[in-house]
PDB file of all heavy atoms in Angstrom:
ATOM      1  N   LYS A   1     -30.721   0.428  50.268  1.00  0.00           N
ATOM      2  CA  LYS A   1     -31.615   0.211  51.283  1.00  0.00           C
ATOM      3  C   LYS A   1     -31.145  -1.192  51.880  1.00  0.00           C
ATOM      4  O   LYS A   1     -31.065  -2.072  51.251  1.00  0.00           O
ATOM      5  CB  LYS A   1     -33.085   0.123  50.810  1.00  0.00           C
ATOM      6  CG  LYS A   1     -34.031  -0.142  51.876  1.00  0.00           C
ATOM      7  CD  LYS A   1     -35.394  -0.319  51.306  1.00  0.00           C
ATOM      8  CE  LYS A   1     -36.474  -0.734  52.325  1.00  0.00           C
ATOM      9  NZ  LYS A   1     -37.743  -0.728  51.655  1.00  0.00           N
ATOM     10  N   VAL A   2     -30.838  -1.118  53.215  1.00  0.00           N
ATOM     11  CA  VAL A   2     -30.514  -2.342  53.967  1.00  0.00           C
ATOM     12  C   VAL A   2     -31.627  -2.561  54.942  1.00  0.00           C
ATOM     13  O   VAL A   2     -31.879  -1.727  55.827  1.00  0.00           O
ATOM     14  CB  VAL A   2     -29.138  -2.175  54.649  1.00  0.00           C
ATOM     15  CG1 VAL A   2     -28.808  -3.486  55.406  1.00  0.00           C
ATOM     16  CG2 VAL A   2     -28.029  -1.880  53.579  1.00  0.00           C
ATOM     17  N   THR A   3     -32.201  -3.776  54.857  1.00  0.00           N
ATOM     18  CA  THR A   3     -33.285  -4.154  55.801  1.00  0.00           C
ATOM     19  C   THR A   3     -32.676  -5.249  56.576  1.00  0.00           C
ATOM     20  O   THR A   3     -32.231  -6.333  56.056  1.00  0.00           O
ATOM     21  CB  THR A   3     -34.548  -4.582  55.003  1.00  0.00           C
ATOM     22  OG1 THR A   3     -34.984  -3.485  54.175  1.00  0.00           O
ATOM     23  CG2 THR A   3     -35.701  -4.938  56.035  1.00  0.00           C
ATOM     24  N   HIS A   4     -32.682  -5.127  57.905  1.00  0.00           N
ATOM     25  CA  HIS A   4     -32.236  -6.081  58.826  1.00  0.00           C
ATOM     26  C   HIS A   4     -33.160  -6.290  59.998  1.00  0.00           C
ATOM     27  O   HIS A   4     -33.322  -5.439  60.769  1.00  0.00           O
ATOM     28  CB  HIS A   4     -30.801  -5.695  59.351  1.00  0.00           C
ATOM     29  CG  HIS A   4     -30.033  -6.681  59.924  1.00  0.00           C
ATOM     30  ND1 HIS A   4     -29.376  -6.624  61.196  1.00  0.00           N
ATOM     31  CD2 HIS A   4     -29.619  -7.940  59.508  1.00  0.00           C
ATOM     32  CE1 HIS A   4     -28.696  -7.684  61.478  1.00  0.00           C
ATOM     33  NE2 HIS A   4     -28.810  -8.515  60.418  1.00  0.00           N
ATOM     34  N   GLY A   5     -33.988  -7.332  59.878  1.00  0.00           N
ATOM     35  CA  GLY A   5     -35.167  -7.437  60.767  1.00  0.00           C
ATOM     36  C   GLY A   5     -36.075  -6.369  60.487  1.00  0.00           C
ATOM     37  O   GLY A   5     -36.463  -6.146  59.309  1.00  0.00           O
ATOM     38  N   ARG A   6     -36.438  -5.688  61.505  1.00  0.00           N
ATOM     39  CA  ARG A   6     -37.538  -4.512  61.225  1.00  0.00           C
ATOM     40  C   ARG A   6     -36.776  -3.239  60.979  1.00  0.00           C
ATOM     41  O   ARG A   6     -37.380  -2.206  60.858  1.00  0.00           O
ATOM     42  CB  ARG A   6     -38.378  -4.417  62.496  1.00  0.00           C
ATOM     43  CG  ARG A   6     -39.251  -5.629  62.647  1.00  0.00           C
ATOM     44  CD  ARG A   6     -40.098  -5.599  63.956  1.00  0.00           C
ATOM     45  NE  ARG A   6     -40.703  -4.315  64.184  1.00  0.00           N
ATOM     46  CZ  ARG A   6     -41.219  -3.881  65.254  1.00  0.00           C
ATOM     47  NH1 ARG A   6     -41.364  -4.838  66.285  1.00  0.00           N
ATOM     48  NH2 ARG A   6     -41.691  -2.773  65.407  1.00  0.00           N
ATOM     49  N   ARG A   7     -35.449  -3.221  61.159  1.00  0.00           N
ATOM     50  CA  ARG A   7     -34.659  -1.947  60.956  1.00  0.00           C
ATOM     51  C   ARG A   7     -34.362  -1.699  59.439  1.00  0.00           C
ATOM     52  O   ARG A   7     -33.875  -2.518  58.755  1.00  0.00           O
ATOM     53  CB  ARG A   7     -33.461  -1.953  61.741  1.00  0.00           C
ATOM     54  CG  ARG A   7     -33.743  -1.840  63.219  1.00  0.00           C
ATOM     55  CD  ARG A   7     -32.380  -1.685  63.958  1.00  0.00           C
ATOM     56  NE  ARG A   7     -32.614  -1.320  65.367  1.00  0.00           N
ATOM     57  CZ  ARG A   7     -31.806  -1.150  66.199  1.00  0.00           C
ATOM     58  NH1 ARG A   7     -30.586  -1.301  65.980  1.00  0.00           N
ATOM     59  NH2 ARG A   7     -32.072  -0.905  67.494  1.00  0.00           N
ATOM     60  N   VAL A   8     -34.578  -0.405  59.051  1.00  0.00           N
ATOM     61  CA  VAL A   8     -34.251  -0.034  57.634  1.00  0.00           C
ATOM     62  C   VAL A   8     -33.198   0.978  57.746  1.00  0.00           C
ATOM     63  O   VAL A   8     -33.376   1.959  58.390  1.00  0.00           O
ATOM     64  CB  VAL A   8     -35.457   0.383  56.909  1.00  0.00           C
ATOM     65  CG1 VAL A   8     -35.090   1.040  55.487  1.00  0.00           C
ATOM     66  CG2 VAL A   8     -36.429  -0.652  56.770  1.00  0.00           C
ATOM     67  N   ARG A   9     -32.146   0.804  57.035  1.00  0.00           N
ATOM     68  CA  ARG A   9     -31.073   1.777  56.940  1.00  0.00           C
ATOM     69  C   ARG A   9     -30.920   2.168  55.439  1.00  0.00           C
ATOM     70  O   ARG A   9     -30.876   1.472  54.523  1.00  0.00           O
ATOM     71  CB  ARG A   9     -29.756   1.170  57.338  1.00  0.00           C
ATOM     72  CG  ARG A   9     -28.497   2.069  57.220  1.00  0.00           C
ATOM     73  CD  ARG A   9     -27.270   1.251  57.700  1.00  0.00           C
ATOM     74  NE  ARG A   9     -27.351   1.151  59.148  1.00  0.00           N
ATOM     75  CZ  ARG A   9     -27.149   0.075  59.842  1.00  0.00           C
ATOM     76  NH1 ARG A   9     -27.119  -1.203  59.184  1.00  0.00           N
ATOM     77  NH2 ARG A   9     -27.145   0.062  61.087  1.00  0.00           N
ATOM     78  N   ILE A  10     -31.004   3.532  55.209  1.00  0.00           N
ATOM     79  CA  ILE A  10     -30.888   4.158  53.935  1.00  0.00           C
ATOM     80  C   ILE A  10     -29.598   4.854  53.823  1.00  0.00           C
ATOM     81  O   ILE A  10     -29.232   5.696  54.559  1.00  0.00           O
ATOM     82  CB  ILE A  10     -32.143   4.970  53.626  1.00  0.00           C
ATOM     83  CG1 ILE A  10     -33.438   4.255  53.629  1.00  0.00           C
ATOM     84  CG2 ILE A  10     -32.005   5.882  52.371  1.00  0.00           C
ATOM     85  CD1 ILE A  10     -34.623   5.075  53.466  1.00  0.00           C
ATOM     86  N   PHE A  11     -28.931   4.523  52.707  1.00  0.00           N
ATOM     87  CA  PHE A  11     -27.693   5.254  52.209  1.00  0.00           C
ATOM     88  C   PHE A  11     -28.062   6.210  51.109  1.00  0.00           C
ATOM     89  O   PHE A  11     -28.599   5.844  50.142  1.00  0.00           O
ATOM     90  CB  PHE A  11     -26.680   4.262  51.862  1.00  0.00           C
ATOM     91  CG  PHE A  11     -26.110   3.455  52.935  1.00  0.00           C
ATOM     92  CD1 PHE A  11     -26.753   2.145  53.214  1.00  0.00           C
ATOM     93  CD2 PHE A  11     -24.939   3.722  53.594  1.00  0.00           C
ATOM     94  CE1 PHE A  11     -26.206   1.362  54.271  1.00  0.00           C
ATOM     95  CE2 PHE A  11     -24.491   2.972  54.576  1.00  0.00           C
ATOM     96  CZ  PHE A  11     -25.020   1.772  54.953  1.00  0.00           C
ATOM     97  N   GLN A  12     -27.573   7.394  51.254  1.00  0.00           N
ATOM     98  CA  GLN A  12     -27.713   8.377  50.242  1.00  0.00           C
ATOM     99  C   GLN A  12     -26.248   8.728  49.700  1.00  0.00           C
ATOM    100  O   GLN A  12     -25.454   9.129  50.480  1.00  0.00           O
ATOM    101  CB  GLN A  12     -28.339   9.732  50.753  1.00  0.00           C
ATOM    102  CG  GLN A  12     -28.334  10.788  49.690  1.00  0.00           C
ATOM    103  CD  GLN A  12     -29.350  10.355  48.600  1.00  0.00           C
ATOM    104  OE1 GLN A  12     -30.464   9.937  48.786  1.00  0.00           O
ATOM    105  NE2 GLN A  12     -28.865  10.510  47.271  1.00  0.00           N
ATOM    106  N   LEU A  13     -26.023   8.493  48.376  1.00  0.00           N
ATOM    107  CA  LEU A  13     -24.701   8.687  47.885  1.00  0.00           C
ATOM    108  C   LEU A  13     -24.654   9.938  47.051  1.00  0.00           C
ATOM    109  O   LEU A  13     -25.435  10.208  46.310  1.00  0.00           O
ATOM    110  CB  LEU A  13     -24.373   7.462  46.860  1.00  0.00           C
ATOM    111  CG  LEU A  13     -24.674   6.089  47.422  1.00  0.00           C
ATOM    112  CD1 LEU A  13     -24.418   5.046  46.373  1.00  0.00           C
ATOM    113  CD2 LEU A  13     -23.786   5.814  48.682  1.00  0.00           C
ATOM    114  N   LYS A  14     -23.823  10.792  47.498  1.00  0.00           N
ATOM    115  CA  LYS A  14     -23.472  12.086  46.777  1.00  0.00           C
ATOM    116  C   LYS A  14     -22.062  12.114  46.307  1.00  0.00           C
ATOM    117  O   LYS A  14     -21.193  12.029  47.099  1.00  0.00           O
ATOM    118  CB  LYS A  14     -23.859  13.232  47.644  1.00  0.00           C
ATOM    119  CG  LYS A  14     -25.241  13.337  48.101  1.00  0.00           C
ATOM    120  CD  LYS A  14     -26.177  13.680  46.964  1.00  0.00           C
ATOM    121  CE  LYS A  14     -27.589  13.963  47.432  1.00  0.00           C
ATOM    122  NZ  LYS A  14     -28.507  14.164  46.358  1.00  0.00           N
ATOM    123  N   TYR A  15     -21.743  12.402  45.057  1.00  0.00           N
ATOM    124  CA  TYR A  15     -20.466  12.377  44.606  1.00  0.00           C
ATOM    125  C   TYR A  15     -19.928  13.893  44.537  1.00  0.00           C
ATOM    126  O   TYR A  15     -19.865  14.599  43.520  1.00  0.00           O
ATOM    127  CB  TYR A  15     -20.385  11.856  43.102  1.00  0.00           C
ATOM    128  CG  TYR A  15     -19.020  11.608  42.684  1.00  0.00           C
ATOM    129  CD1 TYR A  15     -18.213  10.715  43.241  1.00  0.00           C
ATOM    130  CD2 TYR A  15     -18.439  12.468  41.612  1.00  0.00           C
ATOM    131  CE1 TYR A  15     -16.825  10.459  42.797  1.00  0.00           C
ATOM    132  CE2 TYR A  15     -17.198  12.266  41.215  1.00  0.00           C
ATOM    133  CZ  TYR A  15     -16.367  11.172  41.772  1.00  0.00           C
ATOM    134  OH  TYR A  15     -15.090  11.022  41.342  1.00  0.00           O
ATOM    135  N   TYR A  16     -19.705  14.451  45.752  1.00  0.00           N
ATOM    136  CA  TYR A  16     -19.214  15.791  45.985  1.00  0.00           C
ATOM    137  C   TYR A  16     -17.831  15.689  46.480  1.00  0.00           C
ATOM    138  O   TYR A  16     -17.452  15.510  47.560  1.00  0.00           O
ATOM    139  CB  TYR A  16     -20.010  16.448  47.116  1.00  0.00           C
ATOM    140  CG  TYR A  16     -21.558  16.623  46.796  1.00  0.00           C
ATOM    141  CD1 TYR A  16     -22.433  16.827  47.795  1.00  0.00           C
ATOM    142  CD2 TYR A  16     -22.046  16.626  45.455  1.00  0.00           C
ATOM    143  CE1 TYR A  16     -23.775  17.027  47.560  1.00  0.00           C
ATOM    144  CE2 TYR A  16     -23.378  16.824  45.214  1.00  0.00           C
ATOM    145  CZ  TYR A  16     -24.203  16.962  46.251  1.00  0.00           C
ATOM    146  OH  TYR A  16     -25.594  17.155  45.924  1.00  0.00           O
ATOM    147  N   LEU A  17     -16.893  15.743  45.439  1.00  0.00           N
ATOM    148  CA  LEU A  17     -15.431  15.622  45.722  1.00  0.00           C
ATOM    149  C   LEU A  17     -14.915  16.630  46.619  1.00  0.00           C
ATOM    150  O   LEU A  17     -13.977  16.504  47.388  1.00  0.00           O
ATOM    151  CB  LEU A  17     -14.698  15.524  44.532  1.00  0.00           C
ATOM    152  CG  LEU A  17     -14.942  14.319  43.630  1.00  0.00           C
ATOM    153  CD1 LEU A  17     -14.150  14.328  42.256  1.00  0.00           C
ATOM    154  CD2 LEU A  17     -14.463  13.046  44.310  1.00  0.00           C
ATOM    155  N   ASP A  18     -15.491  17.752  46.514  1.00  0.00           N
ATOM    156  CA  ASP A  18     -15.005  19.020  47.362  1.00  0.00           C
ATOM    157  C   ASP A  18     -16.027  19.412  48.304  1.00  0.00           C
ATOM    158  O   ASP A  18     -16.066  20.606  48.695  1.00  0.00           O
ATOM    159  CB  ASP A  18     -14.642  20.131  46.399  1.00  0.00           C
ATOM    160  CG  ASP A  18     -15.676  20.400  45.277  1.00  0.00           C
ATOM    161  OD1 ASP A  18     -16.699  19.691  45.273  1.00  0.00           O
ATOM    162  OD2 ASP A  18     -15.387  21.347  44.516  1.00  0.00           O
ATOM    163  N   GLY A  19     -16.871  18.555  48.908  1.00  0.00           N
ATOM    164  CA  GLY A  19     -17.851  18.873  49.923  1.00  0.00           C
ATOM    165  C   GLY A  19     -19.035  19.613  49.419  1.00  0.00           C
ATOM    166  O   GLY A  19     -19.394  19.657  48.261  1.00  0.00           O
ATOM    167  N   PHE A  20     -19.608  20.326  50.388  1.00  0.00           N
ATOM    168  CA  PHE A  20     -20.755  21.218  50.141  1.00  0.00           C
ATOM    169  C   PHE A  20     -20.723  22.357  51.161  1.00  0.00           C
ATOM    170  O   PHE A  20     -21.509  22.557  52.048  1.00  0.00           O
ATOM    171  CB  PHE A  20     -22.052  20.389  50.383  1.00  0.00           C
ATOM    172  CG  PHE A  20     -22.073  19.405  51.600  1.00  0.00           C
ATOM    173  CD1 PHE A  20     -22.413  19.746  52.697  1.00  0.00           C
ATOM    174  CD2 PHE A  20     -21.571  18.132  51.335  1.00  0.00           C
ATOM    175  CE1 PHE A  20     -22.533  18.824  53.762  1.00  0.00           C
ATOM    176  CE2 PHE A  20     -21.572  17.185  52.446  1.00  0.00           C
ATOM    177  CZ  PHE A  20     -22.129  17.540  53.615  1.00  0.00           C
ATOM    178  N   PRO A  21     -19.738  23.298  50.979  1.00  0.00           N
ATOM    179  CA  PRO A  21     -19.610  24.445  51.766  1.00  0.00           C
ATOM    180  C   PRO A  21     -20.737  25.384  51.519  1.00  0.00           C
ATOM    181  O   PRO A  21     -21.533  25.399  50.426  1.00  0.00           O
ATOM    182  CB  PRO A  21     -18.245  25.084  51.256  1.00  0.00           C
ATOM    183  CG  PRO A  21     -18.105  24.634  49.915  1.00  0.00           C
ATOM    184  CD  PRO A  21     -18.693  23.236  49.846  1.00  0.00           C
ATOM    185  N   THR A  22     -20.936  26.327  52.506  1.00  0.00           N
ATOM    186  CA  THR A  22     -22.032  27.154  52.315  1.00  0.00           C
ATOM    187  C   THR A  22     -21.898  28.329  51.308  1.00  0.00           C
ATOM    188  O   THR A  22     -22.836  28.858  50.719  1.00  0.00           O
ATOM    189  CB  THR A  22     -22.410  27.878  53.764  1.00  0.00           C
ATOM    190  OG1 THR A  22     -21.259  28.583  54.156  1.00  0.00           O
ATOM    191  CG2 THR A  22     -22.843  26.906  54.792  1.00  0.00           C
ATOM    192  N   THR A  23     -20.574  28.662  51.045  1.00  0.00           N
ATOM    193  CA  THR A  23     -20.412  29.781  50.102  1.00  0.00           C
ATOM    194  C   THR A  23     -20.438  29.313  48.691  1.00  0.00           C
ATOM    195  O   THR A  23     -20.812  30.178  47.859  1.00  0.00           O
ATOM    196  CB  THR A  23     -18.988  30.375  50.461  1.00  0.00           C
ATOM    197  OG1 THR A  23     -17.997  29.399  50.371  1.00  0.00           O
ATOM    198  CG2 THR A  23     -19.033  31.034  51.818  1.00  0.00           C
ATOM    199  N   ALA A  24     -20.032  28.210  48.335  1.00  0.00           N
ATOM    200  CA  ALA A  24     -20.059  27.565  46.968  1.00  0.00           C
ATOM    201  C   ALA A  24     -20.987  26.403  46.986  1.00  0.00           C
ATOM    202  O   ALA A  24     -21.204  25.848  47.934  1.00  0.00           O
ATOM    203  CB  ALA A  24     -18.586  27.361  46.614  1.00  0.00           C
ATOM    204  N   TYR A  25     -21.421  26.147  45.743  1.00  0.00           N
ATOM    205  CA  TYR A  25     -22.183  24.910  45.527  1.00  0.00           C
ATOM    206  C   TYR A  25     -23.420  24.884  46.485  1.00  0.00           C
ATOM    207  O   TYR A  25     -23.732  23.917  47.194  1.00  0.00           O
ATOM    208  CB  TYR A  25     -21.329  23.639  45.873  1.00  0.00           C
ATOM    209  CG  TYR A  25     -20.074  23.644  45.098  1.00  0.00           C
ATOM    210  CD1 TYR A  25     -18.915  23.633  45.568  1.00  0.00           C
ATOM    211  CD2 TYR A  25     -20.179  23.678  43.700  1.00  0.00           C
ATOM    212  CE1 TYR A  25     -17.713  23.659  44.957  1.00  0.00           C
ATOM    213  CE2 TYR A  25     -18.885  23.531  43.010  1.00  0.00           C
ATOM    214  CZ  TYR A  25     -17.670  23.597  43.647  1.00  0.00           C
ATOM    215  OH  TYR A  25     -16.458  23.595  42.976  1.00  0.00           O
ATOM    216  N   LYS A  26     -24.131  26.026  46.562  1.00  0.00           N
ATOM    217  CA  LYS A  26     -25.328  26.142  47.541  1.00  0.00           C
ATOM    218  C   LYS A  26     -26.386  25.108  47.267  1.00  0.00           C
ATOM    219  O   LYS A  26     -27.047  24.674  48.140  1.00  0.00           O
ATOM    220  CB  LYS A  26     -25.822  27.546  47.433  1.00  0.00           C
ATOM    221  CG  LYS A  26     -24.916  28.643  47.951  1.00  0.00           C
ATOM    222  CD  LYS A  26     -25.552  29.944  47.926  1.00  0.00           C
ATOM    223  CE  LYS A  26     -24.576  30.965  48.421  1.00  0.00           C
ATOM    224  NZ  LYS A  26     -25.009  32.291  48.455  1.00  0.00           N
ATOM    225  N   GLY A  27     -26.483  24.730  46.043  1.00  0.00           N
ATOM    226  CA  GLY A  27     -27.507  23.687  45.700  1.00  0.00           C
ATOM    227  C   GLY A  27     -27.225  22.338  46.286  1.00  0.00           C
ATOM    228  O   GLY A  27     -28.148  21.550  46.402  1.00  0.00           O
ATOM    229  N   ARG A  28     -25.993  22.099  46.713  1.00  0.00           N
ATOM    230  CA  ARG A  28     -25.561  20.755  47.288  1.00  0.00           C
ATOM    231  C   ARG A  28     -26.430  20.451  48.528  1.00  0.00           C
ATOM    232  O   ARG A  28     -26.912  19.464  48.771  1.00  0.00           O
ATOM    233  CB  ARG A  28     -24.141  20.635  47.459  1.00  0.00           C
ATOM    234  CG  ARG A  28     -23.373  20.484  46.002  1.00  0.00           C
ATOM    235  CD  ARG A  28     -22.017  20.419  46.146  1.00  0.00           C
ATOM    236  NE  ARG A  28     -21.419  20.203  44.814  1.00  0.00           N
ATOM    237  CZ  ARG A  28     -20.121  20.052  44.577  1.00  0.00           C
ATOM    238  NH1 ARG A  28     -19.243  19.929  45.727  1.00  0.00           N
ATOM    239  NH2 ARG A  28     -19.588  19.975  43.482  1.00  0.00           N
ATOM    240  N   ARG A  29     -26.337  21.497  49.443  1.00  0.00           N
ATOM    241  CA  ARG A  29     -27.154  21.348  50.644  1.00  0.00           C
ATOM    242  C   ARG A  29     -28.559  21.112  50.522  1.00  0.00           C
ATOM    243  O   ARG A  29     -29.254  20.377  51.217  1.00  0.00           O
ATOM    244  CB  ARG A  29     -26.740  22.445  51.673  1.00  0.00           C
ATOM    245  CG  ARG A  29     -25.430  22.372  52.224  1.00  0.00           C
ATOM    246  CD  ARG A  29     -25.099  23.458  53.276  1.00  0.00           C
ATOM    247  NE  ARG A  29     -23.660  23.383  53.687  1.00  0.00           N
ATOM    248  CZ  ARG A  29     -23.226  23.631  54.846  1.00  0.00           C
ATOM    249  NH1 ARG A  29     -24.072  23.922  55.783  1.00  0.00           N
ATOM    250  NH2 ARG A  29     -21.967  23.591  55.203  1.00  0.00           N
ATOM    251  N   LYS A  30     -29.087  21.906  49.677  1.00  0.00           N
ATOM    252  CA  LYS A  30     -30.618  21.763  49.226  1.00  0.00           C
ATOM    253  C   LYS A  30     -30.860  20.407  48.842  1.00  0.00           C
ATOM    254  O   LYS A  30     -31.778  19.781  49.159  1.00  0.00           O
ATOM    255  CB  LYS A  30     -30.935  22.811  48.242  1.00  0.00           C
ATOM    256  CG  LYS A  30     -32.413  22.866  47.869  1.00  0.00           C
ATOM    257  CD  LYS A  30     -32.632  23.989  46.853  1.00  0.00           C
ATOM    258  CE  LYS A  30     -34.114  23.921  46.496  1.00  0.00           C
ATOM    259  NZ  LYS A  30     -34.371  25.081  45.498  1.00  0.00           N
ATOM    260  N   SER A  31     -29.926  19.819  47.895  1.00  0.00           N
ATOM    261  CA  SER A  31     -30.207  18.474  47.345  1.00  0.00           C
ATOM    262  C   SER A  31     -30.065  17.468  48.478  1.00  0.00           C
ATOM    263  O   SER A  31     -30.765  16.475  48.480  1.00  0.00           O
ATOM    264  CB  SER A  31     -29.061  18.101  46.374  1.00  0.00           C
ATOM    265  OG  SER A  31     -29.127  16.853  45.971  1.00  0.00           O
ATOM    266  N   ILE A  32     -29.133  17.649  49.517  1.00  0.00           N
ATOM    267  CA  ILE A  32     -29.105  16.773  50.637  1.00  0.00           C
ATOM    268  C   ILE A  32     -30.348  16.701  51.492  1.00  0.00           C
ATOM    269  O   ILE A  32     -30.865  15.675  51.910  1.00  0.00           O
ATOM    270  CB  ILE A  32     -27.785  16.970  51.453  1.00  0.00           C
ATOM    271  CG1 ILE A  32     -26.555  16.641  50.646  1.00  0.00           C
ATOM    272  CG2 ILE A  32     -27.753  16.193  52.706  1.00  0.00           C
ATOM    273  CD1 ILE A  32     -25.232  17.191  51.196  1.00  0.00           C
ATOM    274  N   ARG A  33     -30.767  17.989  51.733  1.00  0.00           N
ATOM    275  CA  ARG A  33     -32.001  18.107  52.487  1.00  0.00           C
ATOM    276  C   ARG A  33     -33.168  17.459  51.764  1.00  0.00           C
ATOM    277  O   ARG A  33     -34.068  16.805  52.496  1.00  0.00           O
ATOM    278  CB  ARG A  33     -32.431  19.592  52.714  1.00  0.00           C
ATOM    279  CG  ARG A  33     -31.800  20.102  53.993  1.00  0.00           C
ATOM    280  CD  ARG A  33     -32.480  21.558  54.279  1.00  0.00           C
ATOM    281  NE  ARG A  33     -31.467  22.520  54.784  1.00  0.00           N
ATOM    282  CZ  ARG A  33     -30.705  23.284  54.027  1.00  0.00           C
ATOM    283  NH1 ARG A  33     -30.889  23.487  52.908  1.00  0.00           N
ATOM    284  NH2 ARG A  33     -29.831  24.069  54.602  1.00  0.00           N
ATOM    285  N   ARG A  34     -33.270  17.672  50.584  1.00  0.00           N
ATOM    286  CA  ARG A  34     -34.399  17.021  49.775  1.00  0.00           C
ATOM    287  C   ARG A  34     -34.250  15.470  49.794  1.00  0.00           C
ATOM    288  O   ARG A  34     -35.392  14.873  49.936  1.00  0.00           O
ATOM    289  CB  ARG A  34     -34.364  17.589  48.307  1.00  0.00           C
ATOM    290  CG  ARG A  34     -35.567  17.339  47.526  1.00  0.00           C
ATOM    291  CD  ARG A  34     -35.626  18.033  46.160  1.00  0.00           C
ATOM    292  NE  ARG A  34     -34.323  18.142  45.513  1.00  0.00           N
ATOM    293  CZ  ARG A  34     -33.596  19.358  45.220  1.00  0.00           C
ATOM    294  NH1 ARG A  34     -34.113  20.460  45.537  1.00  0.00           N
ATOM    295  NH2 ARG A  34     -32.562  19.267  44.584  1.00  0.00           N
ATOM    296  N   SER A  35     -33.118  14.996  49.599  1.00  0.00           N
ATOM    297  CA  SER A  35     -32.832  13.530  49.656  1.00  0.00           C
ATOM    298  C   SER A  35     -33.329  12.946  51.027  1.00  0.00           C
ATOM    299  O   SER A  35     -33.973  11.917  51.156  1.00  0.00           O
ATOM    300  CB  SER A  35     -31.471  13.117  49.257  1.00  0.00           C
ATOM    301  OG  SER A  35     -31.190  13.467  48.049  1.00  0.00           O
ATOM    302  N   PHE A  36     -32.913  13.706  52.103  1.00  0.00           N
ATOM    303  CA  PHE A  36     -33.244  13.238  53.388  1.00  0.00           C
ATOM    304  C   PHE A  36     -34.772  13.257  53.623  1.00  0.00           C
ATOM    305  O   PHE A  36     -35.401  12.282  54.143  1.00  0.00           O
ATOM    306  CB  PHE A  36     -32.558  14.173  54.486  1.00  0.00           C
ATOM    307  CG  PHE A  36     -32.916  13.882  55.932  1.00  0.00           C
ATOM    308  CD1 PHE A  36     -32.320  12.778  56.455  1.00  0.00           C
ATOM    309  CD2 PHE A  36     -33.683  14.664  56.612  1.00  0.00           C
ATOM    310  CE1 PHE A  36     -32.594  12.397  57.772  1.00  0.00           C
ATOM    311  CE2 PHE A  36     -33.916  14.456  57.935  1.00  0.00           C
ATOM    312  CZ  PHE A  36     -33.458  13.355  58.592  1.00  0.00           C
ATOM    313  N   ALA A  37     -35.471  14.342  53.270  1.00  0.00           N
ATOM    314  CA  ALA A  37     -36.828  14.368  53.403  1.00  0.00           C
ATOM    315  C   ALA A  37     -37.591  13.261  52.699  1.00  0.00           C
ATOM    316  O   ALA A  37     -38.491  12.650  53.234  1.00  0.00           O
ATOM    317  CB  ALA A  37     -37.367  15.769  52.876  1.00  0.00           C
ATOM    318  N   ARG A  38     -37.111  12.873  51.456  1.00  0.00           N
ATOM    319  CA  ARG A  38     -37.766  11.787  50.662  1.00  0.00           C
ATOM    320  C   ARG A  38     -37.523  10.535  51.340  1.00  0.00           C
ATOM    321  O   ARG A  38     -38.414   9.693  51.477  1.00  0.00           O
ATOM    322  CB  ARG A  38     -37.242  11.761  49.255  1.00  0.00           C
ATOM    323  CG  ARG A  38     -37.784  12.807  48.398  1.00  0.00           C
ATOM    324  CD  ARG A  38     -37.543  12.587  46.888  1.00  0.00           C
ATOM    325  NE  ARG A  38     -36.060  12.496  46.712  1.00  0.00           N
ATOM    326  CZ  ARG A  38     -35.392  13.347  46.074  1.00  0.00           C
ATOM    327  NH1 ARG A  38     -35.916  14.664  45.727  1.00  0.00           N
ATOM    328  NH2 ARG A  38     -34.139  13.195  45.922  1.00  0.00           N
ATOM    329  N   ALA A  39     -36.370  10.359  51.949  1.00  0.00           N
ATOM    330  CA  ALA A  39     -35.903   9.115  52.681  1.00  0.00           C
ATOM    331  C   ALA A  39     -36.894   8.895  53.855  1.00  0.00           C
ATOM    332  O   ALA A  39     -37.202   7.791  54.227  1.00  0.00           O
ATOM    333  CB  ALA A  39     -34.396   9.087  53.071  1.00  0.00           C
ATOM    334  N   LEU A  40     -37.175   9.972  54.583  1.00  0.00           N
ATOM    335  CA  LEU A  40     -38.035   9.836  55.782  1.00  0.00           C
ATOM    336  C   LEU A  40     -39.417   9.231  55.478  1.00  0.00           C
ATOM    337  O   LEU A  40     -39.918   8.761  56.370  1.00  0.00           O
ATOM    338  CB  LEU A  40     -38.156  11.253  56.430  1.00  0.00           C
ATOM    339  CG  LEU A  40     -36.986  11.851  57.228  1.00  0.00           C
ATOM    340  CD1 LEU A  40     -37.257  13.177  57.791  1.00  0.00           C
ATOM    341  CD2 LEU A  40     -36.460  10.892  58.172  1.00  0.00           C
ATOM    342  N   GLN A  41     -39.836   9.432  54.307  1.00  0.00           N
ATOM    343  CA  GLN A  41     -41.104   8.840  53.832  1.00  0.00           C
ATOM    344  C   GLN A  41     -41.133   7.360  54.086  1.00  0.00           C
ATOM    345  O   GLN A  41     -42.087   6.610  54.158  1.00  0.00           O
ATOM    346  CB  GLN A  41     -41.510   9.153  52.514  1.00  0.00           C
ATOM    347  CG  GLN A  41     -41.660  10.689  52.265  1.00  0.00           C
ATOM    348  CD  GLN A  41     -41.946  11.094  50.874  1.00  0.00           C
ATOM    349  OE1 GLN A  41     -41.964  10.251  49.951  1.00  0.00           O
ATOM    350  NE2 GLN A  41     -42.038  12.325  50.651  1.00  0.00           N
TER     351      GLN A  41
END
């Protein structure tokens, strides 16, 4: 979390060496969505 004045920037780190394609590793996109939703709070 980087706070600069009133602005907050959140970094989400995912160690996906081979990305998150739709056909394989389907849980990765779900994990990204879940992390994003939590960060929005």
